[in-house]
């Protein structure tokens, strides 16, 4: 005679598998129908909204002077030898230390850069 618990585990496993399968089917239908959130788009929108909110708190912020890379800060760096100025120090540090040291605007090799004041930011 076979003990009743012998069949309990396989039956329980099948029940759990059926529930999991139903859940996965529901989630895939939800995403294919457009019902699920687009997480990547949401993250971009939230990031952009935070940047706009930070800008609005700075009365002296001038949109003409914003960094063309991150669009989150005023540019404050002049790149040499090409003399491009549309970039902030945070972005130039990433380009110099982690990327290829080429100007993002003209692709010329960056030999160096200098900080400039906001009043010098005339093109």
PDB file of N, CA and C in Angstrom:
ATOM      1  N   UNK A   1       0.827  -1.170   0.000  1.00  0.00           N
ATOM      2  CA  UNK A   1       0.000   0.000   0.000  1.00  0.00           C
ATOM      3  C   UNK A   1       0.881   1.247   0.000  1.00  0.00           C
ATOM      4  N   UNK A   2       0.502   2.234  -0.779  1.00  0.00           N
ATOM      5  CA  UNK A   2       1.266   3.468  -0.927  1.00  0.00           C
ATOM      6  C   UNK A   2       0.715   4.494   0.056  1.00  0.00           C
ATOM      7  N   UNK A   3       1.638   5.184   0.688  1.00  0.00           N
ATOM      8  CA  UNK A   3       1.260   6.215   1.661  1.00  0.00           C
ATOM      9  C   UNK A   3       0.620   7.401   0.931  1.00  0.00           C
ATOM     10  N   UNK A   4      -0.445   8.023   1.474  1.00  0.00           N
ATOM     11  CA  UNK A   4      -1.124   9.137   0.802  1.00  0.00           C
ATOM     12  C   UNK A   4      -0.220  10.348   0.571  1.00  0.00           C
ATOM     13  N   UNK A   5       0.762  10.567   1.411  1.00  0.00           N
ATOM     14  CA  UNK A   5       1.667  11.708   1.248  1.00  0.00           C
ATOM     15  C   UNK A   5       2.555  11.549   0.021  1.00  0.00           C
ATOM     16  N   UNK A   6       2.652  10.331  -0.497  1.00  0.00           N
ATOM     17  CA  UNK A   6       3.475  10.045  -1.667  1.00  0.00           C
ATOM     18  C   UNK A   6       2.995  10.856  -2.878  1.00  0.00           C
ATOM     19  N   UNK A   7       1.702  11.068  -3.000  1.00  0.00           N
ATOM     20  CA  UNK A   7       1.143  11.801  -4.137  1.00  0.00           C
ATOM     21  C   UNK A   7       0.976  13.299  -3.858  1.00  0.00           C
ATOM     22  N   UNK A   8       1.123  13.712  -2.623  1.00  0.00           N
ATOM     23  CA  UNK A   8       0.858  15.102  -2.249  1.00  0.00           C
ATOM     24  C   UNK A   8       1.842  16.075  -2.908  1.00  0.00           C
ATOM     25  N   UNK A   9       3.118  15.756  -2.872  1.00  0.00           N
ATOM     26  CA  UNK A   9       4.124  16.663  -3.428  1.00  0.00           C
ATOM     27  C   UNK A   9       3.958  16.873  -4.933  1.00  0.00           C
ATOM     28  N   UNK A  10       3.798  15.806  -5.738  1.00  0.00           N
ATOM     29  CA  UNK A  10       3.593  16.047  -7.175  1.00  0.00           C
ATOM     30  C   UNK A  10       2.320  16.843  -7.474  1.00  0.00           C
ATOM     31  N   UNK A  11       1.258  16.580  -6.743  1.00  0.00           N
ATOM     32  CA  UNK A  11       0.008  17.313  -6.968  1.00  0.00           C
ATOM     33  C   UNK A  11       0.181  18.776  -6.575  1.00  0.00           C
ATOM     34  N   UNK A  12       0.835  19.026  -5.456  1.00  0.00           N
ATOM     35  CA  UNK A  12       1.099  20.391  -5.010  1.00  0.00           C
ATOM     36  C   UNK A  12       1.974  21.131  -6.025  1.00  0.00           C
ATOM     37  N   UNK A  13       2.987  20.453  -6.551  1.00  0.00           N
ATOM     38  CA  UNK A  13       3.871  21.060  -7.551  1.00  0.00           C
ATOM     39  C   UNK A  13       3.106  21.431  -8.815  1.00  0.00           C
ATOM     40  N   UNK A  14       2.209  20.556  -9.262  1.00  0.00           N
ATOM     41  CA  UNK A  14       1.403  20.857 -10.444  1.00  0.00           C
ATOM     42  C   UNK A  14       0.491  22.059 -10.196  1.00  0.00           C
ATOM     43  N   UNK A  15      -0.056  22.156  -9.004  1.00  0.00           N
ATOM     44  CA  UNK A  15      -0.916  23.293  -8.662  1.00  0.00           C
ATOM     45  C   UNK A  15      -0.148  24.602  -8.687  1.00  0.00           C
ATOM     46  N   UNK A  16       1.037  24.604  -8.109  1.00  0.00           N
ATOM     47  CA  UNK A  16       1.874  25.806  -8.099  1.00  0.00           C
ATOM     48  C   UNK A  16       2.285  26.181  -9.520  1.00  0.00           C
ATOM     49  N   UNK A  17       2.642  25.177 -10.325  1.00  0.00           N
ATOM     50  CA  UNK A  17       3.026  25.437 -11.714  1.00  0.00           C
ATOM     51  C   UNK A  17       1.859  26.034 -12.498  1.00  0.00           C
ATOM     52  N   UNK A  18       0.656  25.550 -12.274  1.00  0.00           N
ATOM     53  CA  UNK A  18      -0.521  26.074 -12.975  1.00  0.00           C
ATOM     54  C   UNK A  18      -0.785  27.526 -12.585  1.00  0.00           C
ATOM     55  N   UNK A  19      -0.655  27.838 -11.314  1.00  0.00           N
ATOM     56  CA  UNK A  19      -0.856  29.212 -10.846  1.00  0.00           C
ATOM     57  C   UNK A  19       0.202  30.134 -11.450  1.00  0.00           C
ATOM     58  N   UNK A  20       1.452  29.685 -11.460  1.00  0.00           N
ATOM     59  CA  UNK A  20       2.536  30.482 -12.023  1.00  0.00           C
ATOM     60  C   UNK A  20       2.310  30.722 -13.518  1.00  0.00           C
ATOM     61  N   UNK A  21       1.904  29.672 -14.236  1.00  0.00           N
ATOM     62  CA  UNK A  21       1.642  29.798 -15.670  1.00  0.00           C
ATOM     63  C   UNK A  21       0.513  30.796 -15.927  1.00  0.00           C
ATOM     64  N   UNK A  22      -0.543  30.737 -15.143  1.00  0.00           N
ATOM     65  CA  UNK A  22      -1.667  31.670 -15.303  1.00  0.00           C
ATOM     66  C   UNK A  22      -1.207  33.105 -15.038  1.00  0.00           C
ATOM     67  N   UNK A  23      -0.381  33.288 -14.028  1.00  0.00           N
ATOM     68  CA  UNK A  23       0.139  34.620 -13.704  1.00  0.00           C
ATOM     69  C   UNK A  23       0.988  35.161 -14.848  1.00  0.00           C
ATOM     70  N   UNK A  24       1.891  34.333 -15.366  1.00  0.00           N
ATOM     71  CA  UNK A  24       2.758  34.758 -16.474  1.00  0.00           C
ATOM     72  C   UNK A  24       1.942  35.093 -17.720  1.00  0.00           C
ATOM     73  N   UNK A  25       0.921  34.314 -18.010  1.00  0.00           N
ATOM     74  CA  UNK A  25       0.057  34.584 -19.162  1.00  0.00           C
ATOM     75  C   UNK A  25      -0.655  35.918 -18.993  1.00  0.00           C
ATOM     76  N   UNK A  26      -1.147  36.168 -17.794  1.00  0.00           N
ATOM     77  CA  UNK A  26      -1.834  37.425 -17.508  1.00  0.00           C
ATOM     78  C   UNK A  26      -0.888  38.607 -17.689  1.00  0.00           C
ATOM     79  N   UNK A  27       0.332  38.498 -17.154  1.00  0.00           N
ATOM     80  CA  UNK A  27       1.307  39.595 -17.255  1.00  0.00           C
ATOM     81  C   UNK A  27       1.716  39.842 -18.705  1.00  0.00           C
ATOM     82  N   UNK A  28       1.907  38.777 -19.496  1.00  0.00           N
ATOM     83  CA  UNK A  28       2.312  38.980 -20.889  1.00  0.00           C
ATOM     84  C   UNK A  28       1.181  39.608 -21.699  1.00  0.00           C
ATOM     85  N   UNK A  29      -0.067  39.248 -21.416  1.00  0.00           N
ATOM     86  CA  UNK A  29      -1.202  39.875 -22.097  1.00  0.00           C
ATOM     87  C   UNK A  29      -1.317  41.340 -21.702  1.00  0.00           C
ATOM     88  N   UNK A  30      -1.061  41.622 -20.445  1.00  0.00           N
ATOM     89  CA  UNK A  30      -1.149  42.996 -19.957  1.00  0.00           C
ATOM     90  C   UNK A  30      -0.125  43.881 -20.661  1.00  0.00           C
ATOM     91  N   UNK A  31       1.102  43.376 -20.814  1.00  0.00           N
ATOM     92  CA  UNK A  31       2.153  44.163 -21.470  1.00  0.00           C
ATOM     93  C   UNK A  31       1.923  44.260 -22.972  1.00  0.00           C
ATOM     94  N   UNK A  32       1.427  43.188 -23.603  1.00  0.00           N
ATOM     95  CA  UNK A  32       1.206  43.252 -25.047  1.00  0.00           C
ATOM     96  C   UNK A  32       0.029  44.152 -25.397  1.00  0.00           C
ATOM     97  N   UNK A  33      -0.902  44.311 -24.471  1.00  0.00           N
ATOM     98  CA  UNK A  33      -2.054  45.188 -24.704  1.00  0.00           C
ATOM     99  C   UNK A  33      -1.744  46.630 -24.351  1.00  0.00           C
ATOM    100  N   UNK A  34      -0.539  46.894 -23.876  1.00  0.00           N
ATOM    101  CA  UNK A  34      -0.161  48.250 -23.508  1.00  0.00           C
ATOM    102  C   UNK A  34      -0.622  48.637 -22.120  1.00  0.00           C
ATOM    103  N   UNK A  35      -1.100  47.683 -21.357  1.00  0.00           N
ATOM    104  CA  UNK A  35      -1.596  47.990 -20.022  1.00  0.00           C
ATOM    105  C   UNK A  35      -0.498  48.162 -19.001  1.00  0.00           C
ATOM    106  N   UNK A  36       0.643  47.570 -19.254  1.00  0.00           N
ATOM    107  CA  UNK A  36       1.735  47.662 -18.293  1.00  0.00           C
ATOM    108  C   UNK A  36       2.508  48.948 -18.467  1.00  0.00           C
ATOM    109  N   UNK A  37       3.173  49.373 -17.440  1.00  0.00           N
ATOM    110  CA  UNK A  37       3.924  50.620 -17.541  1.00  0.00           C
ATOM    111  C   UNK A  37       5.178  50.450 -18.380  1.00  0.00           C
ATOM    112  N   UNK A  38       5.526  51.466 -19.124  1.00  0.00           N
ATOM    113  CA  UNK A  38       6.776  51.491 -19.873  1.00  0.00           C
ATOM    114  C   UNK A  38       7.832  52.067 -18.941  1.00  0.00           C
ATOM    115  N   UNK A  39       8.552  51.184 -18.284  1.00  0.00           N
ATOM    116  CA  UNK A  39       9.468  51.597 -17.228  1.00  0.00           C
ATOM    117  C   UNK A  39      10.578  52.489 -17.759  1.00  0.00           C
ATOM    118  N   UNK A  40      11.130  52.189 -18.924  1.00  0.00           N
ATOM    119  CA  UNK A  40      12.222  53.005 -19.449  1.00  0.00           C
ATOM    120  C   UNK A  40      11.743  54.428 -19.739  1.00  0.00           C
ATOM    121  N   UNK A  41      10.563  54.555 -20.323  1.00  0.00           N
ATOM    122  CA  UNK A  41      10.028  55.887 -20.614  1.00  0.00           C
ATOM    123  C   UNK A  41       9.728  56.636 -19.323  1.00  0.00           C
ATOM    124  N   UNK A  42       9.198  55.937 -18.339  1.00  0.00           N
ATOM    125  CA  UNK A  42       8.885  56.560 -17.051  1.00  0.00           C
ATOM    126  C   UNK A  42      10.141  57.100 -16.397  1.00  0.00           C
ATOM    127  N   UNK A  43      11.229  56.331 -16.439  1.00  0.00           N
ATOM    128  CA  UNK A  43      12.483  56.775 -15.828  1.00  0.00           C
ATOM    129  C   UNK A  43      13.018  58.020 -16.526  1.00  0.00           C
ATOM    130  N   UNK A  44      12.926  58.062 -17.836  1.00  0.00           N
ATOM    131  CA  UNK A  44      13.414  59.223 -18.585  1.00  0.00           C
ATOM    132  C   UNK A  44      12.579  60.454 -18.256  1.00  0.00           C
ATOM    133  N   UNK A  45      11.269  60.291 -18.212  1.00  0.00           N
ATOM    134  CA  UNK A  45      10.390  61.423 -17.909  1.00  0.00           C
ATOM    135  C   UNK A  45      10.645  61.939 -16.508  1.00  0.00           C
ATOM    136  N   UNK A  46      10.782  61.032 -15.531  1.00  0.00           N
ATOM    137  CA  UNK A  46      11.044  61.460 -14.160  1.00  0.00           C
ATOM    138  C   UNK A  46      12.376  62.184 -14.057  1.00  0.00           C
ATOM    139  N   UNK A  47      13.400  61.661 -14.738  1.00  0.00           N
ATOM    140  CA  UNK A  47      14.711  62.296 -14.714  1.00  0.00           C
ATOM    141  C   UNK A  47      14.636  63.698 -15.317  1.00  0.00           C
ATOM    142  N   UNK A  48      13.954  63.829 -16.438  1.00  0.00           N
ATOM    143  CA  UNK A  48      13.816  65.126 -17.097  1.00  0.00           C
ATOM    144  C   UNK A  48      13.004  66.091 -16.227  1.00  0.00           C
ATOM    145  N   UNK A  49      11.938  65.588 -15.580  1.00  0.00           N
ATOM    146  CA  UNK A  49      11.135  66.441 -14.702  1.00  0.00           C
ATOM    147  C   UNK A  49      11.951  66.932 -13.516  1.00  0.00           C
ATOM    148  N   UNK A  50      12.800  66.074 -12.963  1.00  0.00           N
ATOM    149  CA  UNK A  50      13.655  66.495 -11.851  1.00  0.00           C
ATOM    150  C   UNK A  50      14.627  67.578 -12.297  1.00  0.00           C
ATOM    151  N   UNK A  51      15.170  67.439 -13.499  1.00  0.00           N
ATOM    152  CA  UNK A  51      16.094  68.452 -14.014  1.00  0.00           C
ATOM    153  C   UNK A  51      15.372  69.783 -14.207  1.00  0.00           C
ATOM    154  N   UNK A  52      14.171  69.740 -14.735  1.00  0.00           N
ATOM    155  CA  UNK A  52      13.400  70.973 -14.934  1.00  0.00           C
ATOM    156  C   UNK A  52      13.076  71.614 -13.590  1.00  0.00           C
ATOM    157  N   UNK A  53      12.710  70.799 -12.614  1.00  0.00           N
ATOM    158  CA  UNK A  53      12.392  71.325 -11.284  1.00  0.00           C
ATOM    159  C   UNK A  53      13.610  72.003 -10.667  1.00  0.00           C
ATOM    160  N   UNK A  54      14.797  71.392 -10.832  1.00  0.00           N
ATOM    161  CA  UNK A  54      16.018  72.005 -10.299  1.00  0.00           C
ATOM    162  C   UNK A  54      16.298  73.331 -10.988  1.00  0.00           C
ATOM    163  N   UNK A  55      16.065  73.404 -12.295  1.00  0.00           N
ATOM    164  CA  UNK A  55      16.289  74.643 -13.035  1.00  0.00           C
ATOM    165  C   UNK A  55      15.366  75.751 -12.559  1.00  0.00           C
ATOM    166  N   UNK A  56      14.119  75.417 -12.305  1.00  0.00           N
ATOM    167  CA  UNK A  56      13.155  76.433 -11.899  1.00  0.00           C
ATOM    168  C   UNK A  56      13.493  77.019 -10.541  1.00  0.00           C
ATOM    169  N   UNK A  57      14.227  76.276  -9.712  1.00  0.00           N
ATOM    170  CA  UNK A  57      14.592  76.800  -8.402  1.00  0.00           C
ATOM    171  C   UNK A  57      15.760  77.772  -8.494  1.00  0.00           C
ATOM    172  N   UNK A  58      16.507  77.740  -9.582  1.00  0.00           N
ATOM    173  CA  UNK A  58      17.631  78.657  -9.772  1.00  0.00           C
ATOM    174  C   UNK A  58      17.146  79.859 -10.569  1.00  0.00           C
ATOM    175  N   UNK A  59      17.039  80.997  -9.923  1.00  0.00           N
ATOM    176  CA  UNK A  59      16.539  82.191 -10.608  1.00  0.00           C
ATOM    177  C   UNK A  59      17.506  82.666 -11.682  1.00  0.00           C
ATOM    178  N   UNK A  60      18.789  82.448 -11.465  1.00  0.00           N
ATOM    179  CA  UNK A  60      19.787  82.962 -12.397  1.00  0.00           C
ATOM    180  C   UNK A  60      20.021  82.031 -13.585  1.00  0.00           C
ATOM    181  N   UNK A  61      19.312  80.908 -13.638  1.00  0.00           N
ATOM    182  CA  UNK A  61      19.526  79.943 -14.716  1.00  0.00           C
ATOM    183  C   UNK A  61      19.124  80.533 -16.065  1.00  0.00           C
ATOM    184  N   UNK A  62      19.985  80.362 -17.041  1.00  0.00           N
ATOM    185  CA  UNK A  62      19.730  80.841 -18.391  1.00  0.00           C
ATOM    186  C   UNK A  62      19.789  79.635 -19.320  1.00  0.00           C
ATOM    187  N   UNK A  63      18.700  79.333 -19.987  1.00  0.00           N
ATOM    188  CA  UNK A  63      18.634  78.144 -20.832  1.00  0.00           C
ATOM    189  C   UNK A  63      19.645  78.188 -21.973  1.00  0.00           C
ATOM    190  N   UNK A  64      20.035  79.368 -22.412  1.00  0.00           N
ATOM    191  CA  UNK A  64      21.036  79.485 -23.473  1.00  0.00           C
ATOM    192  C   UNK A  64      22.394  78.980 -23.009  1.00  0.00           C
ATOM    193  N   UNK A  65      22.619  78.957 -21.711  1.00  0.00           N
ATOM    194  CA  UNK A  65      23.910  78.539 -21.165  1.00  0.00           C
ATOM    195  C   UNK A  65      23.906  77.114 -20.636  1.00  0.00           C
ATOM    196  N   UNK A  66      22.919  76.289 -21.000  1.00  0.00           N
ATOM    197  CA  UNK A  66      22.871  74.944 -20.443  1.00  0.00           C
ATOM    198  C   UNK A  66      23.845  74.013 -21.163  1.00  0.00           C
ATOM    199  N   UNK A  67      24.346  73.062 -20.410  1.00  0.00           N
ATOM    200  CA  UNK A  67      25.241  72.041 -20.955  1.00  0.00           C
ATOM    201  C   UNK A  67      24.496  71.261 -22.032  1.00  0.00           C
ATOM    202  N   UNK A  68      25.104  71.119 -23.194  1.00  0.00           N
ATOM    203  CA  UNK A  68      24.456  70.429 -24.303  1.00  0.00           C
ATOM    204  C   UNK A  68      24.510  68.912 -24.168  1.00  0.00           C
ATOM    205  N   UNK A  69      25.234  68.410 -23.172  1.00  0.00           N
ATOM    206  CA  UNK A  69      25.315  66.968 -22.956  1.00  0.00           C
ATOM    207  C   UNK A  69      24.248  66.521 -21.963  1.00  0.00           C
ATOM    208  N   UNK A  70      24.307  67.026 -20.738  1.00  0.00           N
ATOM    209  CA  UNK A  70      23.356  66.588 -19.704  1.00  0.00           C
ATOM    210  C   UNK A  70      22.116  67.467 -19.637  1.00  0.00           C
ATOM    211  N   UNK A  71      22.197  68.668 -20.131  1.00  0.00           N
ATOM    212  CA  UNK A  71      21.108  69.647 -20.088  1.00  0.00           C
ATOM    213  C   UNK A  71      20.575  69.822 -18.667  1.00  0.00           C
ATOM    214  N   UNK A  72      21.472  69.694 -17.713  1.00  0.00           N
ATOM    215  CA  UNK A  72      21.084  69.767 -16.307  1.00  0.00           C
ATOM    216  C   UNK A  72      21.802  70.896 -15.577  1.00  0.00           C
ATOM    217  N   UNK A  73      22.862  71.405 -16.158  1.00  0.00           N
ATOM    218  CA  UNK A  73      23.659  72.445 -15.499  1.00  0.00           C
ATOM    219  C   UNK A  73      24.100  73.454 -16.547  1.00  0.00           C
ATOM    220  N   UNK A  74      24.537  74.601 -16.069  1.00  0.00           N
ATOM    221  CA  UNK A  74      25.096  75.579 -16.993  1.00  0.00           C
ATOM    222  C   UNK A  74      26.497  75.135 -17.390  1.00  0.00           C
ATOM    223  N   UNK A  75      26.850  75.392 -18.634  1.00  0.00           N
ATOM    224  CA  UNK A  75      28.204  75.018 -19.036  1.00  0.00           C
ATOM    225  C   UNK A  75      29.190  75.981 -18.405  1.00  0.00           C
ATOM    226  N   UNK A  76      30.356  75.440 -18.041  1.00  0.00           N
ATOM    227  CA  UNK A  76      31.363  76.244 -17.351  1.00  0.00           C
ATOM    228  C   UNK A  76      32.777  75.812 -17.712  1.00  0.00           C
ATOM    229  N   UNK A  77      32.936  75.205 -18.887  1.00  0.00           N
ATOM    230  CA  UNK A  77      34.234  74.675 -19.304  1.00  0.00           C
ATOM    231  C   UNK A  77      34.486  75.077 -20.754  1.00  0.00           C
ATOM    232  N   UNK A  78      35.750  75.401 -21.047  1.00  0.00           N
ATOM    233  CA  UNK A  78      36.166  75.610 -22.434  1.00  0.00           C
ATOM    234  C   UNK A  78      37.179  74.521 -22.774  1.00  0.00           C
ATOM    235  N   UNK A  79      36.929  73.821 -23.864  1.00  0.00           N
ATOM    236  CA  UNK A  79      37.768  72.698 -24.288  1.00  0.00           C
ATOM    237  C   UNK A  79      38.876  73.214 -25.200  1.00  0.00           C
ATOM    238  N   UNK A  80      40.084  72.654 -25.051  1.00  0.00           N
ATOM    239  CA  UNK A  80      41.202  73.018 -25.923  1.00  0.00           C
ATOM    240  C   UNK A  80      41.633  71.820 -26.733  1.00  0.00           C
ATOM    241  N   UNK A  81      41.986  71.992 -27.975  1.00  0.00           N
ATOM    242  CA  UNK A  81      42.212  73.224 -28.721  1.00  0.00           C
ATOM    243  C   UNK A  81      40.981  73.743 -29.471  1.00  0.00           C
ATOM    244  N   UNK A  82      39.867  73.046 -29.483  1.00  0.00           N
ATOM    245  CA  UNK A  82      38.736  73.458 -30.328  1.00  0.00           C
ATOM    246  C   UNK A  82      37.932  74.624 -29.762  1.00  0.00           C
ATOM    247  N   UNK A  83      38.069  74.908 -28.464  1.00  0.00           N
ATOM    248  CA  UNK A  83      37.443  76.041 -27.784  1.00  0.00           C
ATOM    249  C   UNK A  83      35.918  75.954 -27.682  1.00  0.00           C
ATOM    250  N   UNK A  84      35.372  74.737 -27.750  1.00  0.00           N
ATOM    251  CA  UNK A  84      33.936  74.590 -27.511  1.00  0.00           C
ATOM    252  C   UNK A  84      33.646  74.845 -26.039  1.00  0.00           C
ATOM    253  N   UNK A  85      32.492  75.461 -25.762  1.00  0.00           N
ATOM    254  CA  UNK A  85      32.136  75.850 -24.397  1.00  0.00           C
ATOM    255  C   UNK A  85      30.809  75.270 -23.931  1.00  0.00           C
ATOM    256  N   UNK A  86      30.113  74.529 -24.702  1.00  0.00           N
ATOM    257  CA  UNK A  86      28.748  74.120 -24.378  1.00  0.00           C
ATOM    258  C   UNK A  86      28.689  72.880 -23.488  1.00  0.00           C
ATOM    259  N   UNK A  87      29.585  72.753 -22.520  1.00  0.00           N
ATOM    260  CA  UNK A  87      29.658  71.551 -21.692  1.00  0.00           C
ATOM    261  C   UNK A  87      30.000  71.926 -20.252  1.00  0.00           C
ATOM    262  N   UNK A  88      29.485  71.164 -19.307  1.00  0.00           N
ATOM    263  CA  UNK A  88      29.773  71.433 -17.893  1.00  0.00           C
ATOM    264  C   UNK A  88      30.959  70.581 -17.426  1.00  0.00           C
ATOM    265  N   UNK A  89      31.464  70.913 -16.260  1.00  0.00           N
ATOM    266  CA  UNK A  89      32.645  70.226 -15.736  1.00  0.00           C
ATOM    267  C   UNK A  89      32.373  68.750 -15.449  1.00  0.00           C
ATOM    268  N   UNK A  90      31.176  68.435 -14.970  1.00  0.00           N
ATOM    269  CA  UNK A  90      30.830  67.040 -14.682  1.00  0.00           C
ATOM    270  C   UNK A  90      30.915  66.193 -15.954  1.00  0.00           C
ATOM    271  N   UNK A  91      30.378  66.705 -17.056  1.00  0.00           N
ATOM    272  CA  UNK A  91      30.385  65.951 -18.312  1.00  0.00           C
ATOM    273  C   UNK A  91      31.784  65.846 -18.916  1.00  0.00           C
ATOM    274  N   UNK A  92      32.571  66.927 -18.846  1.00  0.00           N
ATOM    275  CA  UNK A  92      33.926  66.866 -19.406  1.00  0.00           C
ATOM    276  C   UNK A  92      34.790  65.886 -18.613  1.00  0.00           C
ATOM    277  N   UNK A  93      34.572  65.805 -17.292  1.00  0.00           N
ATOM    278  CA  UNK A  93      35.320  64.835 -16.484  1.00  0.00           C
ATOM    279  C   UNK A  93      35.026  63.406 -16.926  1.00  0.00           C
ATOM    280  N   UNK A  94      33.778  63.108 -17.240  1.00  0.00           N
ATOM    281  CA  UNK A  94      33.421  61.768 -17.721  1.00  0.00           C
ATOM    282  C   UNK A  94      34.083  61.498 -19.064  1.00  0.00           C
ATOM    283  N   UNK A  95      34.064  62.469 -19.955  1.00  0.00           N
ATOM    284  CA  UNK A  95      34.667  62.290 -21.279  1.00  0.00           C
ATOM    285  C   UNK A  95      36.168  62.061 -21.161  1.00  0.00           C
ATOM    286  N   UNK A  96      36.828  62.814 -20.298  1.00  0.00           N
ATOM    287  CA  UNK A  96      38.286  62.709 -20.157  1.00  0.00           C
ATOM    288  C   UNK A  96      38.683  61.412 -19.447  1.00  0.00           C
ATOM    289  N   UNK A  97      37.966  61.045 -18.390  1.00  0.00           N
ATOM    290  CA  UNK A  97      38.398  59.896 -17.584  1.00  0.00           C
ATOM    291  C   UNK A  97      37.861  58.561 -18.072  1.00  0.00           C
ATOM    292  N   UNK A  98      36.669  58.544 -18.671  1.00  0.00           N
ATOM    293  CA  UNK A  98      36.054  57.258 -18.997  1.00  0.00           C
ATOM    294  C   UNK A  98      35.830  57.026 -20.480  1.00  0.00           C
ATOM    295  N   UNK A  99      35.894  58.062 -21.277  1.00  0.00           N
ATOM    296  CA  UNK A  99      35.622  57.897 -22.703  1.00  0.00           C
ATOM    297  C   UNK A  99      36.882  58.152 -23.519  1.00  0.00           C
ATOM    298  N   UNK A 100      36.730  58.550 -24.754  1.00  0.00           N
ATOM    299  CA  UNK A 100      37.855  58.590 -25.695  1.00  0.00           C
ATOM    300  C   UNK A 100      38.596  59.916 -25.781  1.00  0.00           C
ATOM    301  N   UNK A 101      38.277  60.899 -24.933  1.00  0.00           N
ATOM    302  CA  UNK A 101      38.918  62.217 -24.914  1.00  0.00           C
ATOM    303  C   UNK A 101      38.690  63.002 -26.195  1.00  0.00           C
ATOM    304  N   UNK A 102      37.622  62.711 -26.923  1.00  0.00           N
ATOM    305  CA  UNK A 102      37.294  63.485 -28.117  1.00  0.00           C
ATOM    306  C   UNK A 102      36.163  64.445 -27.796  1.00  0.00           C
ATOM    307  N   UNK A 103      36.240  65.647 -28.357  1.00  0.00           N
ATOM    308  CA  UNK A 103      35.194  66.649 -28.170  1.00  0.00           C
ATOM    309  C   UNK A 103      33.872  66.086 -28.700  1.00  0.00           C
ATOM    310  N   UNK A 104      32.804  66.149 -27.920  1.00  0.00           N
ATOM    311  CA  UNK A 104      31.529  65.595 -28.387  1.00  0.00           C
ATOM    312  C   UNK A 104      30.898  66.407 -29.517  1.00  0.00           C
ATOM    313  N   UNK A 105      31.414  67.598 -29.781  1.00  0.00           N
ATOM    314  CA  UNK A 105      30.841  68.456 -30.816  1.00  0.00           C
ATOM    315  C   UNK A 105      31.581  68.342 -32.143  1.00  0.00           C
ATOM    316  N   UNK A 106      32.917  68.291 -32.096  1.00  0.00           N
ATOM    317  CA  UNK A 106      33.688  68.251 -33.347  1.00  0.00           C
ATOM    318  C   UNK A 106      34.567  67.004 -33.464  1.00  0.00           C
ATOM    319  N   UNK A 107      34.593  66.175 -32.432  1.00  0.00           N
ATOM    320  CA  UNK A 107      35.364  64.922 -32.383  1.00  0.00           C
ATOM    321  C   UNK A 107      36.878  65.143 -32.380  1.00  0.00           C
ATOM    322  N   UNK A 108      37.339  66.368 -32.177  1.00  0.00           N
ATOM    323  CA  UNK A 108      38.766  66.659 -32.088  1.00  0.00           C
ATOM    324  C   UNK A 108      39.286  66.170 -30.733  1.00  0.00           C
ATOM    325  N   UNK A 109      40.533  65.699 -30.702  1.00  0.00           N
ATOM    326  CA  UNK A 109      41.130  65.203 -29.462  1.00  0.00           C
ATOM    327  C   UNK A 109      41.243  66.339 -28.442  1.00  0.00           C
ATOM    328  N   UNK A 110      40.808  66.081 -27.223  1.00  0.00           N
ATOM    329  CA  UNK A 110      40.844  67.090 -26.164  1.00  0.00           C
ATOM    330  C   UNK A 110      42.218  67.069 -25.503  1.00  0.00           C
ATOM    331  N   UNK A 111      42.954  68.161 -25.651  1.00  0.00           N
ATOM    332  CA  UNK A 111      44.261  68.274 -25.007  1.00  0.00           C
ATOM    333  C   UNK A 111      44.133  68.789 -23.588  1.00  0.00           C
ATOM    334  N   UNK A 112      43.072  69.519 -23.328  1.00  0.00           N
ATOM    335  CA  UNK A 112      42.848  70.054 -21.996  1.00  0.00           C
ATOM    336  C   UNK A 112      41.587  70.887 -21.963  1.00  0.00           C
ATOM    337  N   UNK A 113      41.299  71.421 -20.798  1.00  0.00           N
ATOM    338  CA  UNK A 113      40.145  72.309 -20.657  1.00  0.00           C
ATOM    339  C   UNK A 113      40.395  73.256 -19.504  1.00  0.00           C
ATOM    340  N   UNK A 114      39.640  74.330 -19.490  1.00  0.00           N
ATOM    341  CA  UNK A 114      39.740  75.290 -18.403  1.00  0.00           C
ATOM    342  C   UNK A 114      38.342  75.683 -17.957  1.00  0.00           C
ATOM    343  N   UNK A 115      38.204  76.006 -16.688  1.00  0.00           N
ATOM    344  CA  UNK A 115      36.924  76.482 -16.167  1.00  0.00           C
ATOM    345  C   UNK A 115      36.727  77.927 -16.581  1.00  0.00           C
ATOM    346  N   UNK A 116      35.511  78.260 -16.921  1.00  0.00           N
ATOM    347  CA  UNK A 116      35.164  79.635 -17.259  1.00  0.00           C
ATOM    348  C   UNK A 116      34.006  80.064 -16.363  1.00  0.00           C
ATOM    349  N   UNK A 117      33.906  81.358 -16.122  1.00  0.00           N
ATOM    350  CA  UNK A 117      32.811  81.841 -15.278  1.00  0.00           C
ATOM    351  C   UNK A 117      31.554  82.010 -16.118  1.00  0.00           C
ATOM    352  N   UNK A 118      30.425  82.056 -15.460  1.00  0.00           N
ATOM    353  CA  UNK A 118      29.147  82.181 -16.158  1.00  0.00           C
ATOM    354  C   UNK A 118      29.099  83.457 -16.985  1.00  0.00           C
ATOM    355  N   UNK A 119      29.726  84.514 -16.526  1.00  0.00           N
ATOM    356  CA  UNK A 119      29.719  85.778 -17.281  1.00  0.00           C
ATOM    357  C   UNK A 119      30.558  85.691 -18.542  1.00  0.00           C
ATOM    358  N   UNK A 120      31.500  84.725 -18.603  1.00  0.00           N
ATOM    359  CA  UNK A 120      32.321  84.530 -19.801  1.00  0.00           C
ATOM    360  C   UNK A 120      31.644  83.628 -20.819  1.00  0.00           C
ATOM    361  N   UNK A 121      30.467  83.127 -20.527  1.00  0.00           N
ATOM    362  CA  UNK A 121      29.815  82.137 -21.376  1.00  0.00           C
ATOM    363  C   UNK A 121      29.138  82.730 -22.599  1.00  0.00           C
ATOM    364  N   UNK A 122      29.796  83.617 -23.264  1.00  0.00           N
ATOM    365  CA  UNK A 122      29.262  84.146 -24.517  1.00  0.00           C
ATOM    366  C   UNK A 122      29.914  83.409 -25.652  1.00  0.00           C
ATOM    367  N   UNK A 123      29.114  83.043 -26.628  1.00  0.00           N
ATOM    368  CA  UNK A 123      29.651  82.197 -27.705  1.00  0.00           C
ATOM    369  C   UNK A 123      30.395  83.001 -28.701  1.00  0.00           C
TER     370      UNK A 123
END
